[in-house]
C-alpha cells in the first residue's frame, strides 16, 4: 500500500516534457496518468513477492540475474516446446548473455521452483517485444535447475518458467503463460487478493490527485473563445456547393463522353443565384 501511495506521489512530482499539441495542463494530466499505469507494472512484482512470501510456503528471489549458455540458445530454434520441456541443461558451456528475471519462486519441501516474468498485459506486446521475452523465458527454463543448484538449492528437481499475464492481453503463447485469474490455482496460495488490494489503492490514490490536475485544465477551457456558429445563409450556400460538387462528380463518373460546359454549368448556375 505504501509503495502504491509513493508511486502516485512520485508521478505527480515528476516534471514531464510538454506536448505542444495538448498544452501544458492536459499534457500534465495525461503524463501523470500514464506514468501511474506504467508504475503499476512494477507494483505487480512487489505484490507477488509479498503475497508469495507471506504464504510461508515459498522462498522468493526478486530480480535474479540468470546466465544463459550458448547451448540453451541453440536448442530453442531447433526443438519443439514439448521436447524442450524434458530438458535440463548444465553450465558446461560458455555463457553468452544473462536474463534479469522478475522472480524465482522456490518450494524446497516439494523440490520445485519456477521463474516468472510479471507482465501487466494491458495490451498486445507486439512481436518486437514478445519474441525476445519468449526466448528469455524458454532459455531460463532449460537452465533454472542448474542455476538453483549453484545457489545452494540442491533438492530442486522440478523447474518451470512462465510469464504472468495479469490482464491477459500480452499475446504470449499458452505454454509460456500463467493468466491472471489462474495465479492462485497455479501457486496453490492466495496471491490475487493482495494484487487487487494494491491495484485498488493505487487507483484511489490517483483519483485523489485528479481534482488538482483538472482545475487548471478547466480554467484553461473557460478562457477559450466560444465556438463560432455558421449563419443560416452560409450554411445554405455551403449546401448548394456540396450539391453542385455532387452533380460534377456524377458527370465525371458518367459512362458517356461529356464536354467542359457540362462541368462548368453548376458553377455558372451558382453565380446567377
C-alpha atoms as a PDB file:
ATOM      1  CA  UNK A   1       0.000   0.000   0.000  1.00  0.00           C
ATOM      2  CA  UNK A   2       2.821   2.384   0.857  1.00  0.00           C
ATOM      3  CA  UNK A   3       4.548   1.605  -2.436  1.00  0.00           C
ATOM      4  CA  UNK A   4       1.332   2.420  -4.310  1.00  0.00           C
ATOM      5  CA  UNK A   5       0.962   5.725  -2.469  1.00  0.00           C
ATOM      6  CA  UNK A   6       4.595   6.589  -3.165  1.00  0.00           C
ATOM      7  CA  UNK A   7       4.179   5.707  -6.849  1.00  0.00           C
ATOM      8  CA  UNK A   8       1.370   8.249  -7.325  1.00  0.00           C
ATOM      9  CA  UNK A   9       3.256  10.903  -5.351  1.00  0.00           C
ATOM     10  CA  UNK A  10       6.366  10.338  -7.475  1.00  0.00           C
ATOM     11  CA  UNK A  11       4.359  10.638 -10.689  1.00  0.00           C
ATOM     12  CA  UNK A  12       2.695  13.866  -9.525  1.00  0.00           C
ATOM     13  CA  UNK A  13       6.073  15.374  -8.560  1.00  0.00           C
ATOM     14  CA  UNK A  14       7.785  14.403 -11.821  1.00  0.00           C
ATOM     15  CA  UNK A  15       8.378  17.139 -14.396  1.00  0.00           C
ATOM     16  CA  UNK A  16       7.271  15.704 -17.732  1.00  0.00           C
ATOM     17  CA  UNK A  17       8.029  17.142 -21.184  1.00  0.00           C
ATOM     18  CA  UNK A  18       5.362  19.467 -22.539  1.00  0.00           C
ATOM     19  CA  UNK A  19       3.390  18.312 -25.557  1.00  0.00           C
ATOM     20  CA  UNK A  20       2.721  21.409 -27.670  1.00  0.00           C
ATOM     21  CA  UNK A  21      -0.479  19.975 -29.155  1.00  0.00           C
ATOM     22  CA  UNK A  22      -2.031  19.014 -25.829  1.00  0.00           C
ATOM     23  CA  UNK A  23      -0.914  22.131 -23.979  1.00  0.00           C
ATOM     24  CA  UNK A  24       0.600  22.325 -20.507  1.00  0.00           C
ATOM     25  CA  UNK A  25      -2.461  21.402 -18.450  1.00  0.00           C
ATOM     26  CA  UNK A  26      -3.772  18.471 -20.488  1.00  0.00           C
ATOM     27  CA  UNK A  27      -0.231  17.249 -21.171  1.00  0.00           C
ATOM     28  CA  UNK A  28       0.462  17.086 -17.427  1.00  0.00           C
ATOM     29  CA  UNK A  29      -2.769  15.220 -16.680  1.00  0.00           C
ATOM     30  CA  UNK A  30      -2.138  12.607 -19.367  1.00  0.00           C
ATOM     31  CA  UNK A  31       1.557  12.209 -18.496  1.00  0.00           C
ATOM     32  CA  UNK A  32       0.885  11.633 -14.804  1.00  0.00           C
ATOM     33  CA  UNK A  33      -1.898   9.141 -15.520  1.00  0.00           C
ATOM     34  CA  UNK A  34       0.297   7.242 -17.989  1.00  0.00           C
ATOM     35  CA  UNK A  35       3.163   7.220 -15.506  1.00  0.00           C
ATOM     36  CA  UNK A  36       0.979   5.688 -12.797  1.00  0.00           C
ATOM     37  CA  UNK A  37      -0.158   2.983 -15.234  1.00  0.00           C
ATOM     38  CA  UNK A  38       3.475   2.130 -16.005  1.00  0.00           C
ATOM     39  CA  UNK A  39       4.372   2.085 -12.309  1.00  0.00           C
ATOM     40  CA  UNK A  40       1.558  -0.406 -11.780  1.00  0.00           C
ATOM     41  CA  UNK A  41       3.670  -2.995 -13.586  1.00  0.00           C
ATOM     42  CA  UNK A  42       6.482  -2.612 -11.044  1.00  0.00           C
ATOM     43  CA  UNK A  43       3.995  -2.721  -8.181  1.00  0.00           C
ATOM     44  CA  UNK A  44       2.629  -6.010  -9.521  1.00  0.00           C
ATOM     45  CA  UNK A  45       6.044  -7.571  -8.950  1.00  0.00           C
ATOM     46  CA  UNK A  46       6.169  -6.256  -5.381  1.00  0.00           C
ATOM     47  CA  UNK A  47       2.681  -7.539  -4.661  1.00  0.00           C
ATOM     48  CA  UNK A  48       3.543 -11.000  -5.988  1.00  0.00           C
ATOM     49  CA  UNK A  49       6.703 -11.149  -3.904  1.00  0.00           C
ATOM     50  CA  UNK A  50       4.907 -10.080  -0.721  1.00  0.00           C
ATOM     51  CA  UNK A  51       1.962 -12.444  -1.214  1.00  0.00           C
ATOM     52  CA  UNK A  52       4.140 -15.464  -2.007  1.00  0.00           C
ATOM     53  CA  UNK A  53       6.498 -14.808   0.891  1.00  0.00           C
ATOM     54  CA  UNK A  54       3.604 -14.193   3.277  1.00  0.00           C
ATOM     55  CA  UNK A  55       2.218 -17.636   2.487  1.00  0.00           C
ATOM     56  CA  UNK A  56       5.094 -19.225   4.419  1.00  0.00           C
ATOM     57  CA  UNK A  57       5.437 -21.867   1.727  1.00  0.00           C
ATOM     58  CA  UNK A  58       7.908 -20.263  -0.666  1.00  0.00           C
ATOM     59  CA  UNK A  59      11.253 -18.594  -0.821  1.00  0.00           C
ATOM     60  CA  UNK A  60      11.276 -15.838  -3.411  1.00  0.00           C
ATOM     61  CA  UNK A  61      14.296 -14.443  -5.236  1.00  0.00           C
ATOM     62  CA  UNK A  62      13.467 -10.981  -6.609  1.00  0.00           C
ATOM     63  CA  UNK A  63      15.197  -9.825  -9.813  1.00  0.00           C
ATOM     64  CA  UNK A  64      17.845 -12.565 -10.019  1.00  0.00           C
ATOM     65  CA  UNK A  65      20.311 -12.442 -12.921  1.00  0.00           C
ATOM     66  CA  UNK A  66      20.350 -15.838 -14.666  1.00  0.00           C
ATOM     67  CA  UNK A  67      23.250 -16.656 -17.045  1.00  0.00           C
ATOM     68  CA  UNK A  68      22.289 -18.178 -20.405  1.00  0.00           C
ATOM     69  CA  UNK A  69      24.647 -20.521 -22.250  1.00  0.00           C
ATOM     70  CA  UNK A  70      25.155 -20.891 -25.974  1.00  0.00           C
ATOM     71  CA  UNK A  71      23.742 -24.417 -25.745  1.00  0.00           C
ATOM     72  CA  UNK A  72      20.454 -23.141 -24.324  1.00  0.00           C
ATOM     73  CA  UNK A  73      20.100 -20.506 -27.021  1.00  0.00           C
ATOM     74  CA  UNK A  74      20.968 -23.029 -29.710  1.00  0.00           C
ATOM     75  CA  UNK A  75      18.331 -25.529 -28.654  1.00  0.00           C
ATOM     76  CA  UNK A  76      15.465 -23.034 -28.802  1.00  0.00           C
ATOM     77  CA  UNK A  77      15.430 -22.758 -32.551  1.00  0.00           C
ATOM     78  CA  UNK A  78      15.682 -26.470 -33.325  1.00  0.00           C
ATOM     79  CA  UNK A  79      13.297 -28.123 -30.852  1.00  0.00           C
ATOM     80  CA  UNK A  80       9.591 -28.106 -30.114  1.00  0.00           C
ATOM     81  CA  UNK A  81       8.189 -26.827 -26.848  1.00  0.00           C
ATOM     82  CA  UNK A  82       7.371 -30.425 -25.872  1.00  0.00           C
ATOM     83  CA  UNK A  83      10.968 -31.530 -26.431  1.00  0.00           C
ATOM     84  CA  UNK A  84      12.381 -28.566 -24.508  1.00  0.00           C
ATOM     85  CA  UNK A  85      10.126 -29.298 -21.529  1.00  0.00           C
ATOM     86  CA  UNK A  86      12.018 -32.574 -20.948  1.00  0.00           C
ATOM     87  CA  UNK A  87      15.478 -30.956 -20.902  1.00  0.00           C
ATOM     88  CA  UNK A  88      17.578 -29.568 -18.058  1.00  0.00           C
ATOM     89  CA  UNK A  89      20.972 -28.205 -19.062  1.00  0.00           C
ATOM     90  CA  UNK A  90      24.118 -27.735 -17.023  1.00  0.00           C
ATOM     91  CA  UNK A  91      26.525 -24.830 -17.081  1.00  0.00           C
ATOM     92  CA  UNK A  92      29.139 -26.753 -19.016  1.00  0.00           C
ATOM     93  CA  UNK A  93      29.332 -24.330 -21.952  1.00  0.00           C
ATOM     94  CA  UNK A  94      30.241 -20.640 -22.190  1.00  0.00           C
ATOM     95  CA  UNK A  95      27.714 -18.067 -21.030  1.00  0.00           C
ATOM     96  CA  UNK A  96      26.694 -15.768 -23.887  1.00  0.00           C
ATOM     97  CA  UNK A  97      24.218 -13.485 -22.128  1.00  0.00           C
ATOM     98  CA  UNK A  98      22.186 -13.010 -18.946  1.00  0.00           C
ATOM     99  CA  UNK A  99      18.498 -12.601 -18.177  1.00  0.00           C
ATOM    100  CA  UNK A 100      17.259 -10.391 -15.355  1.00  0.00           C
ATOM    101  CA  UNK A 101      14.129 -12.282 -14.306  1.00  0.00           C
ATOM    102  CA  UNK A 102      11.426 -10.747 -12.132  1.00  0.00           C
ATOM    103  CA  UNK A 103      11.201 -13.534  -9.574  1.00  0.00           C
ATOM    104  CA  UNK A 104      12.060 -17.136  -8.832  1.00  0.00           C
ATOM    105  CA  UNK A 105       9.629 -18.941  -6.542  1.00  0.00           C
ATOM    106  CA  UNK A 106      11.091 -21.908  -4.627  1.00  0.00           C
ATOM    107  CA  UNK A 107       9.271 -24.639  -2.726  1.00  0.00           C
ATOM    108  CA  UNK A 108      12.070 -26.630  -1.080  1.00  0.00           C
ATOM    109  CA  UNK A 109       9.677 -29.111   0.540  1.00  0.00           C
ATOM    110  CA  UNK A 110       8.227 -30.080  -2.839  1.00  0.00           C
ATOM    111  CA  UNK A 111      11.565 -29.856  -4.678  1.00  0.00           C
ATOM    112  CA  UNK A 112      10.001 -27.377  -7.121  1.00  0.00           C
ATOM    113  CA  UNK A 113      10.899 -23.931  -8.436  1.00  0.00           C
ATOM    114  CA  UNK A 114       9.527 -21.568 -11.073  1.00  0.00           C
ATOM    115  CA  UNK A 115      10.973 -18.478 -12.743  1.00  0.00           C
ATOM    116  CA  UNK A 116       8.436 -15.791 -13.666  1.00  0.00           C
ATOM    117  CA  UNK A 117       8.347 -12.585 -15.638  1.00  0.00           C
ATOM    118  CA  UNK A 118       5.417 -10.481 -14.456  1.00  0.00           C
ATOM    119  CA  UNK A 119       3.641  -8.511 -17.183  1.00  0.00           C
ATOM    120  CA  UNK A 120       0.738  -6.157 -16.754  1.00  0.00           C
ATOM    121  CA  UNK A 121      -0.766  -7.406 -20.012  1.00  0.00           C
ATOM    122  CA  UNK A 122      -2.954  -4.401 -20.718  1.00  0.00           C
ATOM    123  CA  UNK A 123      -2.380  -4.777 -24.466  1.00  0.00           C
ATOM    124  CA  UNK A 124      -0.645  -6.891 -27.064  1.00  0.00           C
ATOM    125  CA  UNK A 125       3.121  -6.529 -26.727  1.00  0.00           C
ATOM    126  CA  UNK A 126       3.724  -6.981 -30.440  1.00  0.00           C
ATOM    127  CA  UNK A 127       6.395  -9.252 -31.936  1.00  0.00           C
ATOM    128  CA  UNK A 128       9.266  -6.792 -31.363  1.00  0.00           C
ATOM    129  CA  UNK A 129       8.902  -7.111 -27.581  1.00  0.00           C
ATOM    130  CA  UNK A 130       7.229 -10.507 -27.358  1.00  0.00           C
ATOM    131  CA  UNK A 131       9.765 -12.620 -29.266  1.00  0.00           C
ATOM    132  CA  UNK A 132      12.806 -11.717 -27.100  1.00  0.00           C
ATOM    133  CA  UNK A 133      10.722 -12.290 -23.973  1.00  0.00           C
ATOM    134  CA  UNK A 134       9.616 -15.732 -25.177  1.00  0.00           C
ATOM    135  CA  UNK A 135      13.236 -16.587 -25.885  1.00  0.00           C
ATOM    136  CA  UNK A 136      14.322 -15.473 -22.407  1.00  0.00           C
ATOM    137  CA  UNK A 137      11.587 -17.418 -20.623  1.00  0.00           C
ATOM    138  CA  UNK A 138      12.258 -20.595 -22.623  1.00  0.00           C
ATOM    139  CA  UNK A 139      16.031 -20.443 -22.130  1.00  0.00           C
ATOM    140  CA  UNK A 140      15.691 -19.805 -18.394  1.00  0.00           C
ATOM    141  CA  UNK A 141      13.537 -22.914 -18.117  1.00  0.00           C
ATOM    142  CA  UNK A 142      16.374 -25.030 -19.553  1.00  0.00           C
ATOM    143  CA  UNK A 143      18.942 -23.749 -17.048  1.00  0.00           C
ATOM    144  CA  UNK A 144      16.900 -22.997 -13.926  1.00  0.00           C
ATOM    145  CA  UNK A 145      17.653 -26.286 -12.174  1.00  0.00           C
ATOM    146  CA  UNK A 146      21.419 -25.900 -12.672  1.00  0.00           C
ATOM    147  CA  UNK A 147      21.276 -22.231 -11.648  1.00  0.00           C
ATOM    148  CA  UNK A 148      19.472 -23.011  -8.392  1.00  0.00           C
ATOM    149  CA  UNK A 149      21.835 -25.861  -7.538  1.00  0.00           C
ATOM    150  CA  UNK A 150      24.712 -23.421  -7.908  1.00  0.00           C
ATOM    151  CA  UNK A 151      22.841 -21.172  -5.443  1.00  0.00           C
ATOM    152  CA  UNK A 152      22.675 -23.999  -2.874  1.00  0.00           C
ATOM    153  CA  UNK A 153      19.200 -25.381  -3.658  1.00  0.00           C
ATOM    154  CA  UNK A 154      20.342 -28.952  -4.209  1.00  0.00           C
ATOM    155  CA  UNK A 155      16.916 -30.536  -3.636  1.00  0.00           C
ATOM    156  CA  UNK A 156      15.184 -28.800  -6.557  1.00  0.00           C
ATOM    157  CA  UNK A 157      14.368 -31.359  -9.254  1.00  0.00           C
ATOM    158  CA  UNK A 158      11.263 -29.942 -10.963  1.00  0.00           C
ATOM    159  CA  UNK A 159      11.501 -26.498 -12.573  1.00  0.00           C
ATOM    160  CA  UNK A 160       9.317 -24.354 -14.779  1.00  0.00           C
ATOM    161  CA  UNK A 161       9.194 -20.820 -16.171  1.00  0.00           C
ATOM    162  CA  UNK A 162       6.433 -18.552 -17.424  1.00  0.00           C
ATOM    163  CA  UNK A 163       5.164 -15.032 -17.909  1.00  0.00           C
ATOM    164  CA  UNK A 164       2.379 -13.997 -15.589  1.00  0.00           C
ATOM    165  CA  UNK A 165      -0.016 -12.082 -17.856  1.00  0.00           C
ATOM    166  CA  UNK A 166      -2.073 -10.208 -15.289  1.00  0.00           C
ATOM    167  CA  UNK A 167      -4.688  -8.609 -17.545  1.00  0.00           C
ATOM    168  CA  UNK A 168      -4.347 -11.339 -20.166  1.00  0.00           C
ATOM    169  CA  UNK A 169      -3.774  -9.279 -23.323  1.00  0.00           C
ATOM    170  CA  UNK A 170       0.012  -9.552 -23.781  1.00  0.00           C
ATOM    171  CA  UNK A 171      -0.374 -12.098 -26.588  1.00  0.00           C
ATOM    172  CA  UNK A 172       2.135 -14.641 -25.256  1.00  0.00           C
ATOM    173  CA  UNK A 173       1.920 -18.350 -26.178  1.00  0.00           C
ATOM    174  CA  UNK A 174      -0.109 -20.501 -23.752  1.00  0.00           C
ATOM    175  CA  UNK A 175       2.758 -22.850 -22.878  1.00  0.00           C
ATOM    176  CA  UNK A 176       4.759 -19.898 -21.507  1.00  0.00           C
ATOM    177  CA  UNK A 177       1.896 -18.075 -19.783  1.00  0.00           C
ATOM    178  CA  UNK A 178       0.017 -18.071 -16.492  1.00  0.00           C
ATOM    179  CA  UNK A 179      -3.094 -15.895 -16.829  1.00  0.00           C
ATOM    180  CA  UNK A 180      -4.035 -13.529 -14.016  1.00  0.00           C
ATOM    181  CA  UNK A 181      -7.199 -15.377 -12.921  1.00  0.00           C
ATOM    182  CA  UNK A 182      -5.213 -18.646 -12.719  1.00  0.00           C
ATOM    183  CA  UNK A 183      -2.461 -17.363 -10.422  1.00  0.00           C
ATOM    184  CA  UNK A 184      -3.899 -18.665  -7.135  1.00  0.00           C
ATOM    185  CA  UNK A 185      -4.521 -22.126  -8.563  1.00  0.00           C
ATOM    186  CA  UNK A 186      -1.046 -22.190 -10.100  1.00  0.00           C
ATOM    187  CA  UNK A 187       0.809 -21.417  -6.873  1.00  0.00           C
ATOM    188  CA  UNK A 188      -1.654 -23.025  -4.501  1.00  0.00           C
ATOM    189  CA  UNK A 189      -1.723 -19.961  -2.224  1.00  0.00           C
ATOM    190  CA  UNK A 190      -3.778 -16.718  -2.324  1.00  0.00           C
ATOM    191  CA  UNK A 191      -1.997 -14.063  -4.381  1.00  0.00           C
ATOM    192  CA  UNK A 192      -4.839 -12.349  -6.246  1.00  0.00           C
ATOM    193  CA  UNK A 193      -6.364 -10.616  -3.162  1.00  0.00           C
ATOM    194  CA  UNK A 194      -3.048  -8.885  -2.403  1.00  0.00           C
ATOM    195  CA  UNK A 195      -2.654  -7.712  -6.005  1.00  0.00           C
ATOM    196  CA  UNK A 196      -6.241  -6.493  -6.172  1.00  0.00           C
ATOM    197  CA  UNK A 197      -5.894  -4.546  -2.900  1.00  0.00           C
ATOM    198  CA  UNK A 198      -2.747  -2.867  -4.207  1.00  0.00           C
ATOM    199  CA  UNK A 199      -4.400  -2.020  -7.545  1.00  0.00           C
ATOM    200  CA  UNK A 200      -7.488  -0.623  -5.829  1.00  0.00           C
ATOM    201  CA  UNK A 201      -5.348   1.518  -3.519  1.00  0.00           C
ATOM    202  CA  UNK A 202      -3.272   2.788  -6.457  1.00  0.00           C
ATOM    203  CA  UNK A 203      -6.439   3.770  -8.329  1.00  0.00           C
ATOM    204  CA  UNK A 204      -7.832   5.583  -5.289  1.00  0.00           C
ATOM    205  CA  UNK A 205      -4.591   7.493  -4.768  1.00  0.00           C
ATOM    206  CA  UNK A 206      -4.569   8.560  -8.422  1.00  0.00           C
ATOM    207  CA  UNK A 207      -8.195   9.636  -8.266  1.00  0.00           C
ATOM    208  CA  UNK A 208      -7.428  11.771  -5.202  1.00  0.00           C
ATOM    209  CA  UNK A 209      -4.783  13.598  -7.208  1.00  0.00           C
ATOM    210  CA  UNK A 210      -7.025  14.175 -10.245  1.00  0.00           C
ATOM    211  CA  UNK A 211      -9.020  17.224  -8.946  1.00  0.00           C
ATOM    212  CA  UNK A 212      -5.845  19.296  -8.528  1.00  0.00           C
ATOM    213  CA  UNK A 213      -4.804  18.290 -12.039  1.00  0.00           C
ATOM    214  CA  UNK A 214      -8.209  19.033 -13.541  1.00  0.00           C
ATOM    215  CA  UNK A 215      -8.672  22.519 -12.051  1.00  0.00           C
ATOM    216  CA  UNK A 216      -6.013  24.261 -14.214  1.00  0.00           C
ATOM    217  CA  UNK A 217      -7.353  22.387 -17.227  1.00  0.00           C
ATOM    218  CA  UNK A 218     -10.948  23.516 -16.573  1.00  0.00           C
ATOM    219  CA  UNK A 219      -9.770  27.097 -16.044  1.00  0.00           C
ATOM    220  CA  UNK A 220      -7.928  26.899 -19.354  1.00  0.00           C
ATOM    221  CA  UNK A 221     -11.049  25.648 -21.122  1.00  0.00           C
ATOM    222  CA  UNK A 222     -13.087  28.509 -19.678  1.00  0.00           C
ATOM    223  CA  UNK A 223     -10.794  31.068 -21.350  1.00  0.00           C
ATOM    224  CA  UNK A 224     -11.292  29.612 -24.829  1.00  0.00           C
ATOM    225  CA  UNK A 225     -13.386  31.730 -27.251  1.00  0.00           C
ATOM    226  CA  UNK A 226     -16.862  30.352 -27.951  1.00  0.00           C
ATOM    227  CA  UNK A 227     -17.383  28.144 -30.932  1.00  0.00           C
ATOM    228  CA  UNK A 228     -18.449  30.241 -33.953  1.00  0.00           C
ATOM    229  CA  UNK A 229     -21.835  29.212 -35.289  1.00  0.00           C
ATOM    230  CA  UNK A 230     -22.394  29.189 -39.050  1.00  0.00           C
ATOM    231  CA  UNK A 231     -25.122  31.666 -40.146  1.00  0.00           C
ATOM    232  CA  UNK A 232     -28.108  30.171 -41.939  1.00  0.00           C
ATOM    233  CA  UNK A 233     -27.238  31.802 -45.284  1.00  0.00           C
ATOM    234  CA  UNK A 234     -23.665  30.491 -45.172  1.00  0.00           C
ATOM    235  CA  UNK A 235     -24.961  27.044 -44.335  1.00  0.00           C
ATOM    236  CA  UNK A 236     -27.383  27.176 -47.266  1.00  0.00           C
ATOM    237  CA  UNK A 237     -24.623  28.281 -49.650  1.00  0.00           C
ATOM    238  CA  UNK A 238     -22.370  25.521 -48.400  1.00  0.00           C
ATOM    239  CA  UNK A 239     -25.165  23.009 -49.017  1.00  0.00           C
ATOM    240  CA  UNK A 240     -25.566  24.310 -52.580  1.00  0.00           C
ATOM    241  CA  UNK A 241     -21.831  23.981 -53.151  1.00  0.00           C
ATOM    242  CA  UNK A 242     -21.922  20.405 -51.931  1.00  0.00           C
ATOM    243  CA  UNK A 243     -24.873  19.698 -54.229  1.00  0.00           C
ATOM    244  CA  UNK A 244     -23.003  21.239 -57.180  1.00  0.00           C
ATOM    245  CA  UNK A 245     -19.926  19.176 -56.345  1.00  0.00           C
ATOM    246  CA  UNK A 246     -22.074  16.060 -56.286  1.00  0.00           C
ATOM    247  CA  UNK A 247     -23.503  16.964 -59.723  1.00  0.00           C
ATOM    248  CA  UNK A 248     -19.992  17.404 -61.130  1.00  0.00           C
ATOM    249  CA  UNK A 249     -18.919  14.119 -59.603  1.00  0.00           C
ATOM    250  CA  UNK A 250     -21.843  12.344 -61.272  1.00  0.00           C
ATOM    251  CA  UNK A 251     -20.860  13.876 -64.614  1.00  0.00           C
ATOM    252  CA  UNK A 252     -17.220  12.869 -64.184  1.00  0.00           C
ATOM    253  CA  UNK A 253     -18.271   9.322 -63.403  1.00  0.00           C
ATOM    254  CA  UNK A 254     -20.710   9.132 -66.323  1.00  0.00           C
ATOM    255  CA  UNK A 255     -20.269   6.390 -68.921  1.00  0.00           C
ATOM    256  CA  UNK A 256     -20.777   8.614 -71.994  1.00  0.00           C
ATOM    257  CA  UNK A 257     -18.356  11.366 -73.055  1.00  0.00           C
ATOM    258  CA  UNK A 258     -19.100  14.846 -71.686  1.00  0.00           C
ATOM    259  CA  UNK A 259     -17.846  18.276 -72.678  1.00  0.00           C
ATOM    260  CA  UNK A 260     -16.441  21.040 -70.486  1.00  0.00           C
ATOM    261  CA  UNK A 261     -19.623  23.125 -70.480  1.00  0.00           C
ATOM    262  CA  UNK A 262     -21.444  20.369 -68.605  1.00  0.00           C
ATOM    263  CA  UNK A 263     -18.917  20.590 -65.785  1.00  0.00           C
ATOM    264  CA  UNK A 264     -18.889  24.416 -65.701  1.00  0.00           C
ATOM    265  CA  UNK A 265     -22.672  24.594 -65.701  1.00  0.00           C
ATOM    266  CA  UNK A 266     -23.134  24.120 -61.925  1.00  0.00           C
ATOM    267  CA  UNK A 267     -20.685  26.946 -61.247  1.00  0.00           C
ATOM    268  CA  UNK A 268     -22.487  29.336 -63.632  1.00  0.00           C
ATOM    269  CA  UNK A 269     -25.812  28.348 -62.113  1.00  0.00           C
ATOM    270  CA  UNK A 270     -24.454  29.130 -58.642  1.00  0.00           C
ATOM    271  CA  UNK A 271     -23.182  32.545 -59.708  1.00  0.00           C
ATOM    272  CA  UNK A 272     -26.592  33.580 -61.095  1.00  0.00           C
ATOM    273  CA  UNK A 273     -28.407  32.907 -57.839  1.00  0.00           C
END
